[in-house]
C-alpha atoms as a PDB file:
ATOM      1  CA  MET A   1     -15.368 -19.385  24.681  1.00  0.00           C
ATOM      2  CA  GLN A   2     -13.688 -17.972  21.907  1.00  0.00           C
ATOM      3  CA  THR A   3     -11.196 -15.373  23.305  1.00  0.00           C
ATOM      4  CA  ILE A   4      -9.531 -12.013  21.279  1.00  0.00           C
ATOM      5  CA  LEU A   5      -6.297 -10.702  23.216  1.00  0.00           C
ATOM      6  CA  GLY A   6      -5.810  -7.629  21.851  1.00  0.00           C
ATOM      7  CA  ALA A   7      -9.223  -7.144  21.425  1.00  0.00           C
ATOM      8  CA  ASN A   8      -9.176  -3.199  20.298  1.00  0.00           C
ATOM      9  CA  GLY A   9      -7.228  -3.441  17.222  1.00  0.00           C
ATOM     10  CA  VAL A  10      -9.159  -3.015  14.067  1.00  0.00           C
ATOM     11  CA  ILE A  11      -8.424  -6.712  12.922  1.00  0.00           C
ATOM     12  CA  GLY A  12      -9.240  -7.467  16.878  1.00  0.00           C
ATOM     13  CA  LYS A  13     -12.612  -5.837  16.400  1.00  0.00           C
ATOM     14  CA  GLY A  14     -13.238  -7.496  12.942  1.00  0.00           C
ATOM     15  CA  LEU A  15     -12.575 -10.488  14.554  1.00  0.00           C
ATOM     16  CA  ALA A  16     -15.208 -10.225  16.930  1.00  0.00           C
ATOM     17  CA  LYS A  17     -17.796  -9.338  14.441  1.00  0.00           C
ATOM     18  CA  GLU A  18     -16.919 -12.564  12.141  1.00  0.00           C
ATOM     19  CA  LEU A  19     -17.189 -14.588  15.613  1.00  0.00           C
ATOM     20  CA  ILE A  20     -20.890 -14.744  16.279  1.00  0.00           C
ATOM     21  CA  THR A  21     -21.342 -16.777  12.904  1.00  0.00           C
ATOM     22  CA  TYR A  22     -19.889 -19.456  15.658  1.00  0.00           C
ATOM     23  CA  THR A  23     -20.079 -18.599  18.847  1.00  0.00           C
ATOM     24  CA  SER A  24     -22.056 -16.307  21.164  1.00  0.00           C
ATOM     25  CA  ASP A  25     -19.382 -16.821  23.667  1.00  0.00           C
ATOM     26  CA  ILE A  26     -16.851 -14.087  23.198  1.00  0.00           C
ATOM     27  CA  ARG A  27     -14.713 -12.660  25.221  1.00  0.00           C
ATOM     28  CA  LEU A  28     -12.620  -9.427  24.600  1.00  0.00           C
ATOM     29  CA  VAL A  29      -8.922  -8.996  26.419  1.00  0.00           C
ATOM     30  CA  SER A  30      -7.491  -5.848  26.347  1.00  0.00           C
ATOM     31  CA  ARG A  31      -6.155  -2.709  28.847  1.00  0.00           C
ATOM     32  CA  ASN A  32      -9.512  -1.565  28.112  1.00  0.00           C
ATOM     33  CA  PRO A  33     -11.910  -3.679  26.356  1.00  0.00           C
ATOM     34  CA  ARG A  34     -14.558  -2.481  24.340  1.00  0.00           C
ATOM     35  CA  ALA A  35     -17.606  -4.293  23.181  1.00  0.00           C
ATOM     36  CA  VAL A  36     -18.712  -5.136  19.753  1.00  0.00           C
ATOM     37  CA  ASN A  37     -21.415  -7.703  20.102  1.00  0.00           C
ATOM     38  CA  PRO A  38     -24.171  -7.611  22.522  1.00  0.00           C
ATOM     39  CA  ASN A  39     -23.276  -9.778  24.270  1.00  0.00           C
ATOM     40  CA  ASP A  40     -19.947  -9.822  24.490  1.00  0.00           C
ATOM     41  CA  GLN A  41     -17.164 -10.404  27.576  1.00  0.00           C
ATOM     42  CA  LEU A  42     -14.913  -7.892  28.774  1.00  0.00           C
ATOM     43  CA  MET A  43     -11.899  -8.512  30.822  1.00  0.00           C
ATOM     44  CA  VAL A  44      -8.711  -6.260  31.257  1.00  0.00           C
ATOM     45  CA  ALA A  45      -5.448  -7.614  31.491  1.00  0.00           C
ATOM     46  CA  ASP A  46      -1.428  -6.760  30.700  1.00  0.00           C
ATOM     47  CA  LEU A  47      -0.690  -8.912  28.395  1.00  0.00           C
ATOM     48  CA  THR A  48       2.863  -9.275  29.524  1.00  0.00           C
ATOM     49  CA  ASN A  49       1.712 -10.015  33.140  1.00  0.00           C
ATOM     50  CA  ALA A  50       1.029 -13.949  33.017  1.00  0.00           C
ATOM     51  CA  GLU A  51      -1.312 -14.328  35.801  1.00  0.00           C
ATOM     52  CA  GLN A  52      -3.641 -11.757  33.971  1.00  0.00           C
ATOM     53  CA  VAL A  53      -2.949 -13.919  30.486  1.00  0.00           C
ATOM     54  CA  ASP A  54      -4.360 -17.054  32.667  1.00  0.00           C
ATOM     55  CA  ARG A  55      -7.228 -15.357  33.764  1.00  0.00           C
ATOM     56  CA  ALA A  56      -7.806 -14.030  30.298  1.00  0.00           C
ATOM     57  CA  VAL A  57      -7.770 -17.177  28.921  1.00  0.00           C
ATOM     58  CA  ALA A  58      -9.819 -19.479  31.753  1.00  0.00           C
ATOM     59  CA  GLY A  59     -12.199 -21.239  30.108  1.00  0.00           C
ATOM     60  CA  SER A  60     -11.519 -20.551  26.431  1.00  0.00           C
ATOM     61  CA  ASP A  61     -11.839 -23.231  23.698  1.00  0.00           C
ATOM     62  CA  VAL A  62      -9.699 -21.109  20.941  1.00  0.00           C
ATOM     63  CA  VAL A  63      -7.370 -18.018  21.729  1.00  0.00           C
ATOM     64  CA  TYR A  64      -6.787 -15.525  18.967  1.00  0.00           C
ATOM     65  CA  LEU A  65      -3.390 -13.236  19.608  1.00  0.00           C
ATOM     66  CA  THR A  66      -4.487 -10.165  17.397  1.00  0.00           C
ATOM     67  CA  VAL A  67      -2.067  -7.895  19.414  1.00  0.00           C
ATOM     68  CA  GLY A  68      -0.525  -4.987  18.061  1.00  0.00           C
ATOM     69  CA  LEU A  69       2.174  -2.660  20.387  1.00  0.00           C
ATOM     70  CA  GLU A  70       3.435   0.448  19.567  1.00  0.00           C
ATOM     71  CA  TYR A  71       5.636   0.203  16.367  1.00  0.00           C
ATOM     72  CA  LYS A  72       8.951   0.730  17.753  1.00  0.00           C
ATOM     73  CA  ILE A  73      12.197  -2.173  18.140  1.00  0.00           C
ATOM     74  CA  LYS A  74      13.119  -1.244  21.561  1.00  0.00           C
ATOM     75  CA  VAL A  75       9.112  -2.140  22.566  1.00  0.00           C
ATOM     76  CA  TRP A  76       8.668  -4.914  20.408  1.00  0.00           C
ATOM     77  CA  GLN A  77      11.945  -7.048  21.477  1.00  0.00           C
ATOM     78  CA  LYS A  78      11.257  -6.373  25.010  1.00  0.00           C
ATOM     79  CA  GLN A  79       7.525  -7.280  25.007  1.00  0.00           C
ATOM     80  CA  TRP A  80       7.125  -9.685  22.011  1.00  0.00           C
ATOM     81  CA  PRO A  81       8.821 -12.850  23.740  1.00  0.00           C
ATOM     82  CA  VAL A  82       7.019 -12.224  27.209  1.00  0.00           C
ATOM     83  CA  ILE A  83       3.799 -11.886  25.465  1.00  0.00           C
ATOM     84  CA  MET A  84       4.492 -15.311  22.674  1.00  0.00           C
ATOM     85  CA  ARG A  85       5.247 -17.153  26.497  1.00  0.00           C
ATOM     86  CA  ASN A  86       2.930 -16.121  28.442  1.00  0.00           C
ATOM     87  CA  VAL A  87       0.389 -16.994  26.099  1.00  0.00           C
ATOM     88  CA  ILE A  88       1.739 -20.073  25.232  1.00  0.00           C
ATOM     89  CA  ASP A  89       1.826 -21.299  28.604  1.00  0.00           C
ATOM     90  CA  SER A  90      -1.395 -20.313  29.547  1.00  0.00           C
ATOM     91  CA  CYS A  91      -3.038 -21.964  26.734  1.00  0.00           C
ATOM     92  CA  LYS A  92      -1.064 -25.426  27.354  1.00  0.00           C
ATOM     93  CA  LYS A  93      -2.116 -25.236  31.254  1.00  0.00           C
ATOM     94  CA  ASN A  94      -5.829 -24.325  30.132  1.00  0.00           C
ATOM     95  CA  GLY A  95      -5.857 -26.736  26.676  1.00  0.00           C
ATOM     96  CA  ALA A  96      -6.820 -24.092  24.432  1.00  0.00           C
ATOM     97  CA  LYS A  97      -6.092 -23.578  21.072  1.00  0.00           C
ATOM     98  CA  LEU A  98      -4.164 -20.375  19.406  1.00  0.00           C
ATOM     99  CA  VAL A  99      -4.209 -18.508  16.955  1.00  0.00           C
ATOM    100  CA  PHE A 100      -1.667 -16.685  16.142  1.00  0.00           C
ATOM    101  CA  PHE A 101      -2.553 -13.529  13.765  1.00  0.00           C
ATOM    102  CA  ASP A 102       1.429 -12.439  12.016  1.00  0.00           C
ATOM    103  CA  ASN A 103       2.966 -10.353   9.919  1.00  0.00           C
ATOM    104  CA  VAL A 104       5.822 -11.302   7.135  1.00  0.00           C
ATOM    105  CA  TYR A 105       8.276  -9.165   8.020  1.00  0.00           C
ATOM    106  CA  MET A 106      10.176 -12.348   8.649  1.00  0.00           C
ATOM    107  CA  TYR A 107      10.377 -13.681   5.105  1.00  0.00           C
ATOM    108  CA  ASP A 108      13.380 -13.643   2.770  1.00  0.00           C
ATOM    109  CA  ARG A 109      13.005 -10.442   1.368  1.00  0.00           C
ATOM    110  CA  ASP A 110      14.845 -12.142  -1.834  1.00  0.00           C
ATOM    111  CA  PHE A 111      11.275 -14.595  -1.940  1.00  0.00           C
ATOM    112  CA  LEU A 112       8.761 -11.115  -2.078  1.00  0.00           C
ATOM    113  CA  GLY A 113       7.634 -10.944  -5.018  1.00  0.00           C
ATOM    114  CA  ASN A 114       5.827 -14.810  -4.978  1.00  0.00           C
ATOM    115  CA  MET A 115       5.129 -15.342  -0.904  1.00  0.00           C
ATOM    116  CA  THR A 116       3.271 -18.788  -0.053  1.00  0.00           C
ATOM    117  CA  GLU A 117       3.436 -20.357   2.822  1.00  0.00           C
ATOM    118  CA  ASP A 118       6.934 -22.658   2.353  1.00  0.00           C
ATOM    119  CA  ILE A 119       9.394 -19.570   1.215  1.00  0.00           C
ATOM    120  CA  PRO A 120      12.547 -19.638   3.809  1.00  0.00           C
ATOM    121  CA  VAL A 121      12.335 -17.425   7.309  1.00  0.00           C
ATOM    122  CA  ARG A 122      15.350 -14.855   6.766  1.00  0.00           C
ATOM    123  CA  PRO A 123      14.561 -11.826   8.524  1.00  0.00           C
ATOM    124  CA  THR A 124      16.984  -8.634   7.240  1.00  0.00           C
ATOM    125  CA  SER A 125      14.919  -6.449   9.638  1.00  0.00           C
ATOM    126  CA  LYS A 126      15.110  -5.753  13.520  1.00  0.00           C
ATOM    127  CA  LYS A 127      11.396  -6.401  13.591  1.00  0.00           C
ATOM    128  CA  GLY A 128      11.908  -8.995  11.095  1.00  0.00           C
ATOM    129  CA  GLU A 129      13.845 -10.754  14.173  1.00  0.00           C
ATOM    130  CA  VAL A 130      11.805 -10.571  16.569  1.00  0.00           C
ATOM    131  CA  ARG A 131       9.306 -12.165  15.017  1.00  0.00           C
ATOM    132  CA  ALA A 132      11.003 -14.522  13.413  1.00  0.00           C
ATOM    133  CA  GLN A 133      12.185 -15.066  16.920  1.00  0.00           C
ATOM    134  CA  ILE A 134       8.343 -15.531  18.348  1.00  0.00           C
ATOM    135  CA  GLU A 135       7.057 -17.534  15.318  1.00  0.00           C
ATOM    136  CA  ARG A 136      10.229 -20.324  16.206  1.00  0.00           C
ATOM    137  CA  MET A 137       8.380 -20.264  19.794  1.00  0.00           C
ATOM    138  CA  LEU A 138       4.988 -21.158  18.713  1.00  0.00           C
ATOM    139  CA  LYS A 139       6.155 -23.403  16.326  1.00  0.00           C
ATOM    140  CA  ASP A 140       8.514 -25.261  18.500  1.00  0.00           C
ATOM    141  CA  GLU A 141       5.539 -25.906  20.439  1.00  0.00           C
ATOM    142  CA  ILE A 142       3.703 -27.488  17.549  1.00  0.00           C
ATOM    143  CA  LYS A 143       6.079 -29.585  16.404  1.00  0.00           C
ATOM    144  CA  ALA A 144       6.754 -31.073  20.018  1.00  0.00           C
ATOM    145  CA  GLY A 145       2.689 -31.721  20.656  1.00  0.00           C
ATOM    146  CA  GLN A 146       2.497 -29.444  23.464  1.00  0.00           C
ATOM    147  CA  LEU A 147      -0.169 -27.129  22.259  1.00  0.00           C
ATOM    148  CA  LYS A 148      -2.415 -26.741  19.142  1.00  0.00           C
ATOM    149  CA  ALA A 149      -2.465 -23.836  17.563  1.00  0.00           C
ATOM    150  CA  LEU A 150      -1.377 -22.201  13.742  1.00  0.00           C
ATOM    151  CA  ILE A 151      -0.546 -18.854  12.558  1.00  0.00           C
ATOM    152  CA  ALA A 152      -2.205 -16.659  10.142  1.00  0.00           C
ATOM    153  CA  ARG A 153      -0.053 -14.352   8.542  1.00  0.00           C
ATOM    154  CA  SER A 154      -1.350 -11.039   6.432  1.00  0.00           C
ATOM    155  CA  ALA A 155       0.714  -8.749   4.614  1.00  0.00           C
ATOM    156  CA  ASP A 156       0.470  -4.865   4.670  1.00  0.00           C
ATOM    157  CA  PHE A 157      -3.075  -3.576   5.371  1.00  0.00           C
ATOM    158  CA  ILE A 158      -6.047  -1.809   3.253  1.00  0.00           C
ATOM    159  CA  GLY A 159      -8.588  -0.928   5.871  1.00  0.00           C
ATOM    160  CA  PRO A 160      -9.898   1.896   8.263  1.00  0.00           C
ATOM    161  CA  ALA A 161      -6.433   1.974  10.840  1.00  0.00           C
ATOM    162  CA  ASN A 162      -3.238   3.565  10.946  1.00  0.00           C
ATOM    163  CA  ASN A 163      -1.013   1.708   7.817  1.00  0.00           C
ATOM    164  CA  PHE A 164       0.563   2.688   5.203  1.00  0.00           C
ATOM    165  CA  LEU A 165      -2.672   3.551   2.372  1.00  0.00           C
ATOM    166  CA  VAL A 166      -4.349   5.371   5.020  1.00  0.00           C
ATOM    167  CA  GLU A 167      -1.379   8.008   6.028  1.00  0.00           C
ATOM    168  CA  VAL A 168       0.585   8.479   2.583  1.00  0.00           C
ATOM    169  CA  VAL A 169      -1.653   8.472   0.193  1.00  0.00           C
ATOM    170  CA  TYR A 170      -6.006   9.198   1.038  1.00  0.00           C
ATOM    171  CA  LYS A 171      -5.084  11.656   3.935  1.00  0.00           C
ATOM    172  CA  ASN A 172      -2.180  13.644   1.932  1.00  0.00           C
ATOM    173  CA  PHE A 173      -5.193  13.540  -1.123  1.00  0.00           C
ATOM    174  CA  ALA A 174      -7.615  14.403   2.452  1.00  0.00           C
ATOM    175  CA  LYS A 175      -5.343  17.246   2.369  1.00  0.00           C
ATOM    176  CA  GLY A 176      -4.880  18.269  -0.823  1.00  0.00           C
ATOM    177  CA  LYS A 177      -1.124  17.175  -1.389  1.00  0.00           C
ATOM    178  CA  LYS A 178       0.535  15.068  -3.003  1.00  0.00           C
ATOM    179  CA  ALA A 179       0.504  11.208  -2.366  1.00  0.00           C
ATOM    180  CA  ASN A 180       3.444   9.828  -0.745  1.00  0.00           C
ATOM    181  CA  TRP A 181       5.144   6.171  -1.879  1.00  0.00           C
ATOM    182  CA  PHE A 182       8.574   4.334  -0.750  1.00  0.00           C
ATOM    183  CA  SER A 183      11.337   3.455  -3.084  1.00  0.00           C
ATOM    184  CA  LYS A 184       9.211   2.426  -5.912  1.00  0.00           C
ATOM    185  CA  THR A 185       5.910   2.942  -7.722  1.00  0.00           C
ATOM    186  CA  ASP A 186       6.442   0.482 -10.833  1.00  0.00           C
ATOM    187  CA  LYS A 187       6.503  -2.429  -8.137  1.00  0.00           C
ATOM    188  CA  ILE A 188       3.295  -4.232  -7.619  1.00  0.00           C
ATOM    189  CA  HIS A 189       2.677  -4.237  -3.848  1.00  0.00           C
ATOM    190  CA  ASN A 190      -0.591  -6.444  -2.946  1.00  0.00           C
ATOM    191  CA  PHE A 191      -2.117  -5.525   0.632  1.00  0.00           C
ATOM    192  CA  THR A 192      -4.830  -7.578   2.667  1.00  0.00           C
ATOM    193  CA  ASN A 193      -8.195  -5.968   3.248  1.00  0.00           C
ATOM    194  CA  THR A 194      -9.205  -6.074   6.869  1.00  0.00           C
ATOM    195  CA  ILE A 195     -12.554  -7.615   5.928  1.00  0.00           C
ATOM    196  CA  ASP A 196     -11.232 -10.183   4.713  1.00  0.00           C
ATOM    197  CA  ALA A 197      -7.970 -10.226   7.600  1.00  0.00           C
ATOM    198  CA  ALA A 198     -10.359 -11.078  10.128  1.00  0.00           C
ATOM    199  CA  ARG A 199     -13.194 -13.206   8.080  1.00  0.00           C
ATOM    200  CA  GLY A 200     -10.433 -15.294   7.310  1.00  0.00           C
ATOM    201  CA  THR A 201      -9.103 -16.180  10.719  1.00  0.00           C
ATOM    202  CA  ALA A 202     -12.416 -16.731  12.433  1.00  0.00           C
ATOM    203  CA  LYS A 203     -12.466 -19.353   9.438  1.00  0.00           C
ATOM    204  CA  LEU A 204      -9.514 -20.827   9.946  1.00  0.00           C
ATOM    205  CA  GLY A 205     -10.242 -20.599  14.337  1.00  0.00           C
ATOM    206  CA  ASN A 206     -13.059 -22.831  13.827  1.00  0.00           C
ATOM    207  CA  ALA A 207     -11.454 -25.465  11.175  1.00  0.00           C
ATOM    208  CA  PRO A 208     -10.177 -28.362  12.702  1.00  0.00           C
ATOM    209  CA  ASP A 209      -8.264 -29.600  10.231  1.00  0.00           C
ATOM    210  CA  ALA A 210      -6.018 -26.080   9.396  1.00  0.00           C
ATOM    211  CA  TYR A 211      -4.656 -26.607  12.665  1.00  0.00           C
ATOM    212  CA  GLY A 212      -0.286 -27.116  12.950  1.00  0.00           C
ATOM    213  CA  GLU A 213       0.036 -25.368   9.749  1.00  0.00           C
ATOM    214  CA  VAL A 214       0.839 -21.566   9.029  1.00  0.00           C
ATOM    215  CA  TRP A 215      -2.164 -19.883   6.406  1.00  0.00           C
ATOM    216  CA  HIS A 216      -2.207 -16.651   4.810  1.00  0.00           C
ATOM    217  CA  LEU A 217      -4.724 -14.863   4.736  1.00  0.00           C
ATOM    218  CA  PRO A 218      -7.405 -13.961   2.027  1.00  0.00           C
ATOM    219  CA  THR A 219      -5.902 -10.893  -0.256  1.00  0.00           C
ATOM    220  CA  SER A 220      -6.246 -10.183  -3.682  1.00  0.00           C
ATOM    221  CA  ASP A 221      -4.266 -11.558  -6.208  1.00  0.00           C
ATOM    222  CA  ALA A 222      -4.457  -8.633  -8.741  1.00  0.00           C
ATOM    223  CA  ARG A 223      -0.692  -7.603  -9.300  1.00  0.00           C
ATOM    224  CA  LEU A 224      -1.170  -3.668  -8.982  1.00  0.00           C
ATOM    225  CA  THR A 225       1.770  -1.566  -8.773  1.00  0.00           C
ATOM    226  CA  GLY A 226       1.950   1.515  -6.438  1.00  0.00           C
ATOM    227  CA  LYS A 227       0.826   4.269  -9.121  1.00  0.00           C
ATOM    228  CA  GLU A 228      -2.041   2.230  -9.779  1.00  0.00           C
ATOM    229  CA  TRP A 229      -2.556   1.924  -6.006  1.00  0.00           C
ATOM    230  CA  ILE A 230      -2.075   5.583  -5.810  1.00  0.00           C
ATOM    231  CA  GLY A 231      -4.871   6.561  -9.341  1.00  0.00           C
ATOM    232  CA  LEU A 232      -7.360   4.325  -7.420  1.00  0.00           C
ATOM    233  CA  PHE A 233      -7.540   6.350  -4.686  1.00  0.00           C
ATOM    234  CA  ALA A 234      -7.017   9.554  -6.698  1.00  0.00           C
ATOM    235  CA  LYS A 235     -10.505   8.291  -8.848  1.00  0.00           C
ATOM    236  CA  GLU A 236     -12.262   7.427  -5.644  1.00  0.00           C
ATOM    237  CA  MET A 237     -11.232  10.902  -4.193  1.00  0.00           C
ATOM    238  CA  ASN A 238     -11.638  12.898  -7.423  1.00  0.00           C
ATOM    239  CA  VAL A 239      -8.157  14.571  -6.970  1.00  0.00           C
ATOM    240  CA  GLU A 240      -5.338  14.453  -9.832  1.00  0.00           C
ATOM    241  CA  PRO A 241      -3.286  11.406  -8.839  1.00  0.00           C
ATOM    242  CA  LYS A 242      -0.694  13.036  -7.959  1.00  0.00           C
ATOM    243  CA  PHE A 243       2.386  11.848  -5.910  1.00  0.00           C
ATOM    244  CA  SER A 244       6.488  12.206  -4.661  1.00  0.00           C
ATOM    245  CA  VAL A 245       8.587   8.713  -3.906  1.00  0.00           C
ATOM    246  CA  LEU A 246       9.983   9.042  -0.927  1.00  0.00           C
ATOM    247  CA  PRO A 247      13.699   7.785  -1.203  1.00  0.00           C
ATOM    248  CA  ASP A 248      15.273   6.013   1.517  1.00  0.00           C
ATOM    249  CA  TRP A 249      17.787   8.818   2.863  1.00  0.00           C
ATOM    250  CA  MET A 250      14.945  10.928   3.305  1.00  0.00           C
ATOM    251  CA  LEU A 251      13.019   9.037   5.530  1.00  0.00           C
ATOM    252  CA  GLY A 252      15.747   9.263   7.551  1.00  0.00           C
ATOM    253  CA  LEU A 253      16.307  12.782   7.359  1.00  0.00           C
ATOM    254  CA  ILE A 254      12.488  12.873   8.127  1.00  0.00           C
ATOM    255  CA  GLY A 255      12.946  10.841  11.024  1.00  0.00           C
ATOM    256  CA  LEU A 256      15.030  13.674  12.798  1.00  0.00           C
ATOM    257  CA  PHE A 257      11.967  15.570  13.088  1.00  0.00           C
ATOM    258  CA  VAL A 258       8.851  12.614  12.793  1.00  0.00           C
ATOM    259  CA  PRO A 259      10.390   9.264  14.598  1.00  0.00           C
ATOM    260  CA  ILE A 260       8.112   6.826  13.464  1.00  0.00           C
ATOM    261  CA  MET A 261       9.894   7.570  10.147  1.00  0.00           C
ATOM    262  CA  ASN A 262      12.993   5.925  10.906  1.00  0.00           C
ATOM    263  CA  GLU A 263      10.744   2.340  12.530  1.00  0.00           C
ATOM    264  CA  LEU A 264       9.874   2.529   9.019  1.00  0.00           C
ATOM    265  CA  LYS A 265      12.852   3.405   7.061  1.00  0.00           C
ATOM    266  CA  GLU A 266      13.919  -0.721   7.795  1.00  0.00           C
ATOM    267  CA  MET A 267      11.433  -2.217   6.205  1.00  0.00           C
ATOM    268  CA  THR A 268      11.232   0.192   2.938  1.00  0.00           C
ATOM    269  CA  TYR A 269      12.807  -2.620   1.296  1.00  0.00           C
ATOM    270  CA  GLN A 270       9.332  -4.095   0.854  1.00  0.00           C
ATOM    271  CA  TYR A 271       8.542  -1.158  -1.285  1.00  0.00           C
ATOM    272  CA  ASP A 272      12.054  -1.477  -3.756  1.00  0.00           C
ATOM    273  CA  ARG A 273      11.191  -4.722  -5.354  1.00  0.00           C
ATOM    274  CA  ASP A 274       7.559  -6.844  -6.365  1.00  0.00           C
ATOM    275  CA  TYR A 275       5.341  -7.829  -3.234  1.00  0.00           C
ATOM    276  CA  PHE A 276       3.353 -10.455  -3.727  1.00  0.00           C
ATOM    277  CA  PHE A 277       1.698 -12.085  -1.459  1.00  0.00           C
ATOM    278  CA  ASN A 278      -0.232 -15.389  -2.393  1.00  0.00           C
ATOM    279  CA  SER A 279      -3.314 -16.649  -0.771  1.00  0.00           C
ATOM    280  CA  SER A 280      -4.321 -19.162  -2.648  1.00  0.00           C
ATOM    281  CA  LYS A 281      -4.137 -21.867  -0.448  1.00  0.00           C
ATOM    282  CA  PHE A 282      -6.571 -20.341   2.309  1.00  0.00           C
ATOM    283  CA  ASN A 283      -8.535 -19.065  -1.153  1.00  0.00           C
ATOM    284  CA  LYS A 284      -8.547 -23.046  -2.122  1.00  0.00           C
ATOM    285  CA  ARG A 285      -9.423 -24.649   1.124  1.00  0.00           C
ATOM    286  CA  PHE A 286     -12.218 -22.051   1.880  1.00  0.00           C
ATOM    287  CA  GLY A 287     -13.770 -21.511  -1.340  1.00  0.00           C
ATOM    288  CA  TYR A 288     -12.362 -17.918  -1.111  1.00  0.00           C
ATOM    289  CA  LYS A 289     -12.838 -15.342  -3.511  1.00  0.00           C
ATOM    290  CA  PRO A 290     -11.094 -11.924  -1.280  1.00  0.00           C
ATOM    291  CA  ILE A 291     -12.211  -7.833  -1.712  1.00  0.00           C
ATOM    292  CA  SER A 292     -11.027  -6.433  -4.855  1.00  0.00           C
ATOM    293  CA  PRO A 293      -8.668  -3.311  -4.823  1.00  0.00           C
ATOM    294  CA  GLU A 294     -11.623  -1.806  -6.587  1.00  0.00           C
ATOM    295  CA  ASP A 295     -14.027  -2.413  -3.207  1.00  0.00           C
ATOM    296  CA  GLY A 296     -11.554  -2.067  -0.897  1.00  0.00           C
ATOM    297  CA  VAL A 297     -10.264   1.150  -2.174  1.00  0.00           C
ATOM    298  CA  LYS A 298     -13.929   2.457  -2.947  1.00  0.00           C
ATOM    299  CA  ALA A 299     -15.431   1.055   0.884  1.00  0.00           C
ATOM    300  CA  LEU A 300     -12.105   2.528   1.982  1.00  0.00           C
ATOM    301  CA  VAL A 301     -12.933   5.779   1.044  1.00  0.00           C
ATOM    302  CA  LYS A 302     -16.510   6.240   2.326  1.00  0.00           C
ATOM    303  CA  GLU A 303     -15.717   4.767   5.559  1.00  0.00           C
ATOM    304  CA  LEU A 304     -12.797   7.608   6.050  1.00  0.00           C
ATOM    305  CA  LYS A 305     -15.203  10.439   4.711  1.00  0.00           C
ATOM    306  CA  GLY A 306     -17.799   9.163   7.329  1.00  0.00           C
END
């Protein structure tokens, strides 16, 4: 049995599709689980409840933690440590291996130009502090030999979900507006395709030698700038590549009316410098070629247009 905790998100759904390659026993767990494959086992659970997590994990060989909490720092501070503790304890109790789907918020901002699995952890945002805290919890258990686990880490997404490229580039163009970008458009910023992320997570979870390590999920090594990403969307949508840059101070002002902008403000450092997510370790180990930006944008626009 392979179990996905937080199965309703774009990664959980994609992962469920990929796991069919490895097993026909798949359990999808969330507050409102929906089947992806014909024989999926569905289970309702609140991951902040230890007893419900135990029931969800029982009988599992591999557990994938792919939950996406509401993008609010107070929610993260309250719920993430509880969820991680519940999942760790339950996996230890049930003898299950754990795959944690993580992001890059805990990384030292001075090393974003070439992010490898070995760069320093030095969070400089409140959300980054939470991610560093739960990463430490997991790594301490691995180091102590108490848990067989790995971290599958992703950069920002390109895919059919509520993410940066969809919200401020695709949707703006679709409405006849200019695209938006944060800070600077001449800086490199690569994105992990959600298909690659799901496929890579499935591969890692089913590779015995991958456990005990941090892995960057497969991400194209094309070094596109913000302006070039905007150009790809404009070309595919047959619109002019017009854009405006939102300075940091403006996010605070907009945040008075659009609360999510207040949450994003502390993360804009990811756009004022080169941001290159290096997945060469994964690509070499699995002989994998990530989806190119051109192919990713083409598929995404086609899917979003329906």
